């Protein structure tokens, strides 16, 4: 049987109206509630990047929440890819 609690790393990119609408704070709040380590930051091209490390099921929860976003956001797409965790992060940070 697969070990679903094994740590993974996800890199997710949200596209749409996701900057200046509280999207980073939304992601950070949910990541902290889910005990995910990593960060979220705005990218120069208007997207938001989230890097998180936890078990796969928990990371999938956050990616699904990212598809909704806060009230004033309009999320057109959230793409993501899996990587091996690095263990570089302790806690979750919204990078300004």
C-alpha atoms as a PDB file:
ATOM      1  CA  UNK A   1       0.000   0.000   0.000  1.00  0.00           C
ATOM      2  CA  UNK A   2       1.293   3.497  -0.857  1.00  0.00           C
ATOM      3  CA  UNK A   3       2.455   5.792   1.929  1.00  0.00           C
ATOM      4  CA  UNK A   4       0.266   8.884   1.477  1.00  0.00           C
ATOM      5  CA  UNK A   5       1.932  10.647   4.414  1.00  0.00           C
ATOM      6  CA  UNK A   6       5.328  10.814   2.682  1.00  0.00           C
ATOM      7  CA  UNK A   7       6.479  14.403   2.223  1.00  0.00           C
ATOM      8  CA  UNK A   8       6.262  15.907  -1.239  1.00  0.00           C
ATOM      9  CA  UNK A   9       6.881  19.312  -2.719  1.00  0.00           C
ATOM     10  CA  UNK A  10       4.458  21.101  -5.017  1.00  0.00           C
ATOM     11  CA  UNK A  11       5.063  24.217  -7.086  1.00  0.00           C
ATOM     12  CA  UNK A  12       1.762  25.818  -8.085  1.00  0.00           C
ATOM     13  CA  UNK A  13       1.194  28.823 -10.339  1.00  0.00           C
ATOM     14  CA  UNK A  14      -2.096  30.722 -10.208  1.00  0.00           C
ATOM     15  CA  UNK A  15      -3.163  32.852 -13.164  1.00  0.00           C
ATOM     16  CA  UNK A  16      -5.950  35.428 -13.395  1.00  0.00           C
ATOM     17  CA  UNK A  17      -6.758  38.389 -11.145  1.00  0.00           C
ATOM     18  CA  UNK A  18      -4.609  37.081  -8.296  1.00  0.00           C
ATOM     19  CA  UNK A  19      -2.525  40.093  -7.334  1.00  0.00           C
ATOM     20  CA  UNK A  20      -3.729  42.982  -5.146  1.00  0.00           C
ATOM     21  CA  UNK A  21      -6.828  41.034  -4.082  1.00  0.00           C
ATOM     22  CA  UNK A  22      -5.569  39.268  -0.931  1.00  0.00           C
ATOM     23  CA  UNK A  23      -4.630  36.083  -2.761  1.00  0.00           C
ATOM     24  CA  UNK A  24      -1.209  35.642  -1.131  1.00  0.00           C
ATOM     25  CA  UNK A  25      -2.702  36.134   2.348  1.00  0.00           C
ATOM     26  CA  UNK A  26      -5.482  33.667   1.466  1.00  0.00           C
ATOM     27  CA  UNK A  27      -2.916  31.044   0.414  1.00  0.00           C
ATOM     28  CA  UNK A  28      -0.681  31.690   3.420  1.00  0.00           C
ATOM     29  CA  UNK A  29      -3.561  31.485   5.910  1.00  0.00           C
ATOM     30  CA  UNK A  30      -4.739  28.149   4.502  1.00  0.00           C
ATOM     31  CA  UNK A  31      -1.198  26.783   4.250  1.00  0.00           C
ATOM     32  CA  UNK A  32      -0.551  27.621   7.895  1.00  0.00           C
ATOM     33  CA  UNK A  33      -3.840  25.988   8.965  1.00  0.00           C
ATOM     34  CA  UNK A  34      -2.803  22.867   7.032  1.00  0.00           C
ATOM     35  CA  UNK A  35       0.744  22.917   8.510  1.00  0.00           C
ATOM     36  CA  UNK A  36       2.397  23.284   5.110  1.00  0.00           C
ATOM     37  CA  UNK A  37       5.959  24.598   4.910  1.00  0.00           C
ATOM     38  CA  UNK A  38       6.929  26.940   2.081  1.00  0.00           C
ATOM     39  CA  UNK A  39       6.047  30.311   0.620  1.00  0.00           C
ATOM     40  CA  UNK A  40       3.768  32.221  -1.726  1.00  0.00           C
ATOM     41  CA  UNK A  41       4.826  35.238  -3.797  1.00  0.00           C
ATOM     42  CA  UNK A  42       3.737  37.477  -6.653  1.00  0.00           C
ATOM     43  CA  UNK A  43       5.565  37.047  -9.946  1.00  0.00           C
ATOM     44  CA  UNK A  44       6.368  39.960 -12.291  1.00  0.00           C
ATOM     45  CA  UNK A  45       4.092  38.511 -15.008  1.00  0.00           C
ATOM     46  CA  UNK A  46       0.970  38.804 -12.786  1.00  0.00           C
ATOM     47  CA  UNK A  47       0.836  35.184 -11.614  1.00  0.00           C
ATOM     48  CA  UNK A  48       1.264  33.965  -8.032  1.00  0.00           C
ATOM     49  CA  UNK A  49       3.695  31.167  -7.196  1.00  0.00           C
ATOM     50  CA  UNK A  50       3.226  28.854  -4.231  1.00  0.00           C
ATOM     51  CA  UNK A  51       5.861  26.366  -3.127  1.00  0.00           C
ATOM     52  CA  UNK A  52       4.733  23.973  -0.427  1.00  0.00           C
ATOM     53  CA  UNK A  53       6.028  20.891   1.345  1.00  0.00           C
ATOM     54  CA  UNK A  54       3.842  18.409   3.218  1.00  0.00           C
ATOM     55  CA  UNK A  55       2.160  15.103   2.419  1.00  0.00           C
ATOM     56  CA  UNK A  56       0.535  14.863  -0.999  1.00  0.00           C
ATOM     57  CA  UNK A  57      -3.067  14.804   0.226  1.00  0.00           C
ATOM     58  CA  UNK A  58      -2.583  18.006   2.223  1.00  0.00           C
ATOM     59  CA  UNK A  59      -0.856  19.750  -0.678  1.00  0.00           C
ATOM     60  CA  UNK A  60      -3.702  18.757  -2.989  1.00  0.00           C
ATOM     61  CA  UNK A  61      -6.138  20.396  -0.538  1.00  0.00           C
ATOM     62  CA  UNK A  62      -4.236  23.673  -0.799  1.00  0.00           C
ATOM     63  CA  UNK A  63      -4.060  23.530  -4.595  1.00  0.00           C
ATOM     64  CA  UNK A  64      -7.847  23.053  -4.695  1.00  0.00           C
ATOM     65  CA  UNK A  65      -8.327  26.026  -2.345  1.00  0.00           C
ATOM     66  CA  UNK A  66      -6.066  28.075  -4.627  1.00  0.00           C
ATOM     67  CA  UNK A  67      -8.504  27.415  -7.500  1.00  0.00           C
ATOM     68  CA  UNK A  68     -11.210  29.318  -5.554  1.00  0.00           C
ATOM     69  CA  UNK A  69      -9.148  32.099  -3.989  1.00  0.00           C
ATOM     70  CA  UNK A  70     -10.554  34.965  -1.921  1.00  0.00           C
ATOM     71  CA  UNK A  71     -13.722  36.890  -2.795  1.00  0.00           C
ATOM     72  CA  UNK A  72     -12.130  39.549  -5.032  1.00  0.00           C
ATOM     73  CA  UNK A  73      -9.868  37.188  -6.974  1.00  0.00           C
ATOM     74  CA  UNK A  74     -10.640  35.638 -10.330  1.00  0.00           C
ATOM     75  CA  UNK A  75      -8.598  32.478 -10.731  1.00  0.00           C
ATOM     76  CA  UNK A  76      -8.405  31.423 -14.378  1.00  0.00           C
ATOM     77  CA  UNK A  77      -6.005  28.524 -13.881  1.00  0.00           C
ATOM     78  CA  UNK A  78      -3.782  26.829 -11.313  1.00  0.00           C
ATOM     79  CA  UNK A  79      -1.058  24.656 -12.792  1.00  0.00           C
ATOM     80  CA  UNK A  80       1.255  22.636 -10.592  1.00  0.00           C
ATOM     81  CA  UNK A  81       4.086  20.139 -10.643  1.00  0.00           C
ATOM     82  CA  UNK A  82       5.491  17.714  -8.100  1.00  0.00           C
ATOM     83  CA  UNK A  83       9.093  17.614  -6.925  1.00  0.00           C
ATOM     84  CA  UNK A  84      11.072  15.954  -4.183  1.00  0.00           C
ATOM     85  CA  UNK A  85      11.032  18.006  -0.948  1.00  0.00           C
ATOM     86  CA  UNK A  86      14.163  19.898   0.040  1.00  0.00           C
ATOM     87  CA  UNK A  87      13.337  20.567   3.688  1.00  0.00           C
ATOM     88  CA  UNK A  88      14.457  24.180   3.195  1.00  0.00           C
ATOM     89  CA  UNK A  89      11.288  25.697   4.693  1.00  0.00           C
ATOM     90  CA  UNK A  90      10.037  25.797   8.266  1.00  0.00           C
ATOM     91  CA  UNK A  91       6.631  27.411   8.456  1.00  0.00           C
ATOM     92  CA  UNK A  92       4.899  29.295   5.661  1.00  0.00           C
ATOM     93  CA  UNK A  93       5.641  32.807   4.451  1.00  0.00           C
ATOM     94  CA  UNK A  94       3.894  35.289   2.164  1.00  0.00           C
ATOM     95  CA  UNK A  95       6.792  37.019   0.423  1.00  0.00           C
ATOM     96  CA  UNK A  96       6.220  40.688  -0.357  1.00  0.00           C
END
